[in-house]
């Protein structure tokens, strides 16, 4: 992550239950550095809102695009989003 990072909102249901969690996403970093095609690969505590909160934040992130032969290319990236109360 090089340029722009949005902190995910902590899901209210998880906050009330005082639960922490981790979401693993696969995304595509586009040629312009934007993030698209988020897919949840793994979540350790499902149905508490962690998945959508992670997707909402990560799709706002911006990366420096990968390059091949000096030209920007789209690439897959695995992203880990951790939700911690502290």
C-alpha atoms as a PDB file:
ATOM      1  CA  UNK A   1       0.000   0.000   0.000  1.00  0.00           C
ATOM      2  CA  UNK A   2       1.704   3.088  -1.173  1.00  0.00           C
ATOM      3  CA  UNK A   3      -0.537   6.102  -1.457  1.00  0.00           C
ATOM      4  CA  UNK A   4      -3.965   6.101   0.125  1.00  0.00           C
ATOM      5  CA  UNK A   5      -5.454   4.102   2.997  1.00  0.00           C
ATOM      6  CA  UNK A   6      -8.957   4.307   4.482  1.00  0.00           C
ATOM      7  CA  UNK A   7      -9.396   2.781   7.932  1.00  0.00           C
ATOM      8  CA  UNK A   8     -12.341   0.349   7.953  1.00  0.00           C
ATOM      9  CA  UNK A   9     -15.351   1.178  10.109  1.00  0.00           C
ATOM     10  CA  UNK A  10     -15.673  -1.201  13.032  1.00  0.00           C
ATOM     11  CA  UNK A  11     -18.948  -3.129  12.644  1.00  0.00           C
ATOM     12  CA  UNK A  12     -21.362  -2.111  15.400  1.00  0.00           C
ATOM     13  CA  UNK A  13     -22.550  -5.671  16.048  1.00  0.00           C
ATOM     14  CA  UNK A  14     -18.960  -6.809  16.602  1.00  0.00           C
ATOM     15  CA  UNK A  15     -18.188  -3.751  18.761  1.00  0.00           C
ATOM     16  CA  UNK A  16     -21.187  -4.438  21.014  1.00  0.00           C
ATOM     17  CA  UNK A  17     -20.132  -8.074  21.347  1.00  0.00           C
ATOM     18  CA  UNK A  18     -16.523  -6.912  21.975  1.00  0.00           C
ATOM     19  CA  UNK A  19     -15.244  -9.230  19.239  1.00  0.00           C
ATOM     20  CA  UNK A  20     -12.196  -8.747  17.058  1.00  0.00           C
ATOM     21  CA  UNK A  21     -11.656 -10.317  13.675  1.00  0.00           C
ATOM     22  CA  UNK A  22      -9.590 -10.685  10.533  1.00  0.00           C
ATOM     23  CA  UNK A  23     -10.722 -10.676   6.912  1.00  0.00           C
ATOM     24  CA  UNK A  24      -8.585 -11.900   4.013  1.00  0.00           C
ATOM     25  CA  UNK A  25      -9.596 -10.425   0.647  1.00  0.00           C
ATOM     26  CA  UNK A  26      -8.406 -11.012  -2.873  1.00  0.00           C
ATOM     27  CA  UNK A  27      -8.592  -7.857  -4.978  1.00  0.00           C
ATOM     28  CA  UNK A  28      -7.422  -6.602  -8.340  1.00  0.00           C
ATOM     29  CA  UNK A  29      -5.163  -3.543  -8.398  1.00  0.00           C
ATOM     30  CA  UNK A  30      -6.051  -1.838 -11.667  1.00  0.00           C
ATOM     31  CA  UNK A  31      -3.633  -0.031 -13.992  1.00  0.00           C
ATOM     32  CA  UNK A  32      -4.638   3.289 -12.384  1.00  0.00           C
ATOM     33  CA  UNK A  33      -3.977   1.983  -8.841  1.00  0.00           C
ATOM     34  CA  UNK A  34      -7.638   1.603  -7.916  1.00  0.00           C
ATOM     35  CA  UNK A  35      -8.934  -1.528  -6.205  1.00  0.00           C
ATOM     36  CA  UNK A  36     -11.680  -3.669  -7.729  1.00  0.00           C
ATOM     37  CA  UNK A  37     -13.235  -7.141  -7.691  1.00  0.00           C
ATOM     38  CA  UNK A  38     -12.990  -7.781  -3.929  1.00  0.00           C
ATOM     39  CA  UNK A  39     -13.580 -11.374  -2.911  1.00  0.00           C
ATOM     40  CA  UNK A  40     -13.612 -12.650   0.656  1.00  0.00           C
ATOM     41  CA  UNK A  41     -11.160 -15.543   0.901  1.00  0.00           C
ATOM     42  CA  UNK A  42     -11.454 -16.018   4.654  1.00  0.00           C
ATOM     43  CA  UNK A  43     -13.065 -14.409   7.679  1.00  0.00           C
ATOM     44  CA  UNK A  44     -12.509 -15.731  11.178  1.00  0.00           C
ATOM     45  CA  UNK A  45     -15.822 -14.447  12.588  1.00  0.00           C
ATOM     46  CA  UNK A  46     -18.551 -14.451   9.962  1.00  0.00           C
ATOM     47  CA  UNK A  47     -21.841 -12.552   9.968  1.00  0.00           C
ATOM     48  CA  UNK A  48     -20.712  -9.743  12.262  1.00  0.00           C
ATOM     49  CA  UNK A  49     -20.153  -7.208   9.492  1.00  0.00           C
ATOM     50  CA  UNK A  50     -16.384  -7.587   9.198  1.00  0.00           C
ATOM     51  CA  UNK A  51     -16.572  -8.726   5.559  1.00  0.00           C
ATOM     52  CA  UNK A  52     -18.512  -5.718   4.251  1.00  0.00           C
ATOM     53  CA  UNK A  53     -16.557  -3.233   6.377  1.00  0.00           C
ATOM     54  CA  UNK A  54     -13.307  -4.606   4.954  1.00  0.00           C
ATOM     55  CA  UNK A  55     -14.608  -4.453   1.369  1.00  0.00           C
ATOM     56  CA  UNK A  56     -15.934  -0.906   1.838  1.00  0.00           C
ATOM     57  CA  UNK A  57     -12.551   0.313   3.094  1.00  0.00           C
ATOM     58  CA  UNK A  58     -10.262  -1.617   0.749  1.00  0.00           C
ATOM     59  CA  UNK A  59     -12.118  -0.577  -2.397  1.00  0.00           C
ATOM     60  CA  UNK A  60     -11.291   3.040  -1.492  1.00  0.00           C
ATOM     61  CA  UNK A  61      -7.568   2.340  -1.164  1.00  0.00           C
ATOM     62  CA  UNK A  62      -5.153   3.444  -3.891  1.00  0.00           C
ATOM     63  CA  UNK A  63      -1.911   1.744  -4.825  1.00  0.00           C
ATOM     64  CA  UNK A  64       1.013   2.565  -7.053  1.00  0.00           C
ATOM     65  CA  UNK A  65       0.254   0.348 -10.067  1.00  0.00           C
ATOM     66  CA  UNK A  66       2.422  -2.652 -10.833  1.00  0.00           C
ATOM     67  CA  UNK A  67       4.491  -2.374 -13.999  1.00  0.00           C
ATOM     68  CA  UNK A  68       5.572  -4.811 -16.652  1.00  0.00           C
ATOM     69  CA  UNK A  69       8.027  -3.615 -19.310  1.00  0.00           C
ATOM     70  CA  UNK A  70       7.576  -0.089 -17.982  1.00  0.00           C
ATOM     71  CA  UNK A  71       3.792  -0.051 -18.439  1.00  0.00           C
ATOM     72  CA  UNK A  72       1.118  -0.257 -15.722  1.00  0.00           C
ATOM     73  CA  UNK A  73      -0.633  -3.622 -15.456  1.00  0.00           C
ATOM     74  CA  UNK A  74      -3.516  -4.974 -13.370  1.00  0.00           C
ATOM     75  CA  UNK A  75      -2.525  -7.529 -10.728  1.00  0.00           C
ATOM     76  CA  UNK A  76      -4.193  -9.696  -8.102  1.00  0.00           C
ATOM     77  CA  UNK A  77      -3.346  -8.951  -4.492  1.00  0.00           C
ATOM     78  CA  UNK A  78      -4.272 -10.646  -1.235  1.00  0.00           C
ATOM     79  CA  UNK A  79      -5.102  -8.143   1.513  1.00  0.00           C
ATOM     80  CA  UNK A  80      -5.418  -8.825   5.242  1.00  0.00           C
ATOM     81  CA  UNK A  81      -7.692  -6.478   7.191  1.00  0.00           C
ATOM     82  CA  UNK A  82      -7.556  -6.762  10.966  1.00  0.00           C
ATOM     83  CA  UNK A  83     -10.215  -5.408  13.272  1.00  0.00           C
ATOM     84  CA  UNK A  84      -8.959  -4.708  16.767  1.00  0.00           C
ATOM     85  CA  UNK A  85     -10.727  -2.943  19.627  1.00  0.00           C
ATOM     86  CA  UNK A  86      -7.427  -1.699  21.048  1.00  0.00           C
END
